[in-house]
Amino acid sequence: MFSNFELTQASVHDIHYLKNIKNNFSSCVLIGDKGYLSAEYQLDLFTSNQIRLEVPMRVNQHEYQKQPYLLRKTRKRIETLFSQLCDQFLIRRNYAKSFDGYKNRILSKITSLTVSQMINKLLNRNINNIKSLVV
């Protein structure tokens, strides 16, 4: 049993998660942030499973090239979604007593965000605007 635990930021960098991903995916493109700039991680993913890791370059890097618009837009949407889950749906605060309770609370928060986005899409509004009234 778990006793009143709260989901907090991981103390380990997410780049270590790539070791698990390369066993589950192949021939795809992953979008990462600037923390994934390591050339050896990118090369390892590509040589092992044909996974291309798209990471924006830093402005001070040699031969700087801006990331394509579609990848920037997708990355921004992902960041906005995570911010909404953390700020408005308080996904990090979870006082579940069991793992099943934890899973259900997380699932309900993600489901409520998805339903809000679907309603906004049906009403021809910006799907990110989750605090607006449904009229």
Protein backbone atom coordinates (compact mmCIF):
# COMPACT_ATOMS: atom_id res chain seq x y z
CA MET A 1 0.00 0.00 0.00
CA PHE A 2 1.06 3.57 -0.67
CA SER A 3 0.58 6.17 1.98
CA ASN A 4 -0.33 9.69 0.84
CA PHE A 5 2.28 10.08 -1.87
CA GLU A 6 2.63 13.09 -4.12
CA LEU A 7 3.92 12.98 -7.69
CA THR A 8 6.98 15.20 -7.88
CA GLN A 9 9.53 16.01 -10.53
CA ALA A 10 11.84 13.14 -11.31
CA SER A 11 15.29 13.52 -9.86
CA VAL A 12 16.79 11.70 -12.84
CA HIS A 13 17.00 13.46 -16.20
CA ASP A 14 14.49 12.22 -18.81
CA ILE A 15 17.30 11.34 -21.23
CA HIS A 16 17.70 8.05 -19.38
CA TYR A 17 14.16 7.19 -20.53
CA LEU A 18 15.51 6.87 -24.09
CA LYS A 19 17.09 3.55 -23.13
CA ASN A 20 13.59 2.12 -22.57
CA ILE A 21 12.12 3.73 -25.68
CA LYS A 22 14.59 2.24 -28.11
CA ASN A 23 13.34 -1.25 -27.23
CA ASN A 24 9.69 -0.38 -27.93
CA PHE A 25 9.85 1.73 -31.12
CA SER A 26 11.54 1.62 -34.49
CA SER A 27 11.61 3.69 -37.69
CA CYS A 28 10.05 6.82 -36.18
CA VAL A 29 10.81 10.44 -35.31
CA LEU A 30 10.92 11.66 -31.71
CA ILE A 31 10.77 15.34 -30.81
CA GLY A 32 12.99 16.35 -27.90
CA ASP A 33 14.00 19.55 -26.20
CA LYS A 34 17.50 21.00 -25.94
CA GLY A 35 18.35 18.58 -23.13
CA TYR A 36 18.58 15.78 -25.71
CA LEU A 37 21.35 17.38 -27.80
CA SER A 38 23.82 14.56 -27.12
CA ALA A 39 25.06 13.28 -30.48
CA GLU A 40 25.92 9.87 -29.05
CA TYR A 41 22.32 9.31 -27.83
CA GLN A 42 20.98 10.37 -31.23
CA LEU A 43 23.42 8.08 -33.03
CA ASP A 44 22.67 5.16 -30.73
CA LEU A 45 18.91 5.48 -31.30
CA PHE A 46 19.33 5.71 -35.05
CA THR A 47 21.77 2.83 -35.43
CA SER A 48 19.87 0.48 -33.11
CA ASN A 49 16.25 1.03 -34.27
CA GLN A 50 16.19 3.74 -36.97
CA ILE A 51 14.76 6.25 -34.49
CA ARG A 52 15.48 9.86 -35.49
CA LEU A 53 15.60 12.26 -32.55
CA GLU A 54 14.74 15.82 -33.63
CA VAL A 55 16.20 18.38 -31.24
CA PRO A 56 16.33 22.17 -31.74
CA MET A 57 19.84 23.56 -31.95
CA ARG A 58 21.07 26.19 -29.53
CA VAL A 59 21.54 29.64 -31.04
CA ASN A 60 25.23 29.71 -30.10
CA GLN A 61 26.02 26.41 -31.87
CA HIS A 62 28.13 26.32 -35.01
CA GLU A 63 26.08 26.05 -38.20
CA TYR A 64 22.88 26.95 -36.31
CA GLN A 65 19.70 26.12 -38.21
CA LYS A 66 16.21 26.90 -37.02
CA GLN A 67 14.04 23.83 -36.47
CA PRO A 68 11.26 23.39 -39.09
CA TYR A 69 7.98 25.14 -38.29
CA LEU A 70 5.92 21.95 -37.96
CA LEU A 71 8.30 20.49 -35.36
CA ARG A 72 8.39 23.79 -33.39
CA LYS A 73 4.59 23.97 -33.43
CA THR A 74 4.25 20.35 -32.28
CA ARG A 75 6.79 20.81 -29.51
CA LYS A 76 5.02 23.97 -28.30
CA ARG A 77 1.69 22.12 -28.21
CA ILE A 78 3.23 19.35 -26.10
CA GLU A 79 4.74 21.87 -23.67
CA THR A 80 1.40 23.71 -23.40
CA LEU A 81 -0.39 20.45 -22.65
CA PHE A 82 2.08 19.54 -19.88
CA SER A 83 1.74 23.04 -18.40
CA GLN A 84 -2.04 22.77 -18.37
CA LEU A 85 -1.91 19.37 -16.69
CA CYS A 86 0.46 20.69 -14.02
CA ASP A 87 -1.09 24.13 -13.39
CA GLN A 88 -4.83 23.76 -13.94
CA PHE A 89 -5.34 20.05 -13.30
CA LEU A 90 -2.72 19.74 -10.54
CA ILE A 91 -1.47 16.44 -11.93
CA ARG A 92 1.57 16.51 -9.63
CA ARG A 93 -0.62 16.64 -6.53
CA ASN A 94 -2.04 13.21 -6.00
CA TYR A 95 -2.84 11.83 -2.56
CA ALA A 96 -3.89 8.35 -3.61
CA LYS A 97 -3.76 5.52 -1.10
CA SER A 98 -3.07 2.73 -3.61
CA PHE A 99 -1.58 2.34 -7.06
CA ASP A 100 -5.05 1.75 -8.53
CA GLY A 101 -6.23 5.00 -6.95
CA TYR A 102 -3.18 6.78 -8.38
CA LYS A 103 -3.87 5.44 -11.88
CA ASN A 104 -7.55 6.41 -11.69
CA ARG A 105 -6.84 9.97 -10.56
CA ILE A 106 -4.24 10.52 -13.28
CA LEU A 107 -6.54 9.00 -15.90
CA SER A 108 -9.47 11.18 -14.80
CA LYS A 109 -7.37 14.36 -15.05
CA ILE A 110 -6.11 13.46 -18.54
CA THR A 111 -9.65 12.50 -19.60
CA SER A 112 -11.10 15.80 -18.36
CA LEU A 113 -8.47 17.74 -20.31
CA THR A 114 -9.22 15.72 -23.44
CA VAL A 115 -12.98 16.27 -23.10
CA SER A 116 -12.39 20.03 -22.64
CA GLN A 117 -10.33 20.09 -25.82
CA MET A 118 -12.96 18.10 -27.72
CA ILE A 119 -15.74 20.50 -26.64
CA ASN A 120 -13.64 23.48 -27.73
CA LYS A 121 -13.00 21.86 -31.10
CA LEU A 122 -16.71 21.17 -31.61
CA LEU A 123 -17.50 24.81 -30.75
CA ASN A 124 -14.80 26.03 -33.18
CA ARG A 125 -12.71 27.57 -30.41
CA ASN A 126 -9.03 27.32 -29.63
CA ILE A 127 -8.60 23.85 -28.09
CA ASN A 128 -6.00 25.17 -25.64
CA ASN A 129 -8.53 27.51 -24.04
CA ILE A 130 -9.72 25.12 -21.34
CA LYS A 131 -10.90 27.72 -18.81
CA SER A 132 -13.68 29.17 -20.97
CA LEU A 133 -17.36 28.62 -20.26
CA VAL A 134 -19.32 26.12 -22.29
CA VAL A 135 -22.36 28.04 -23.44
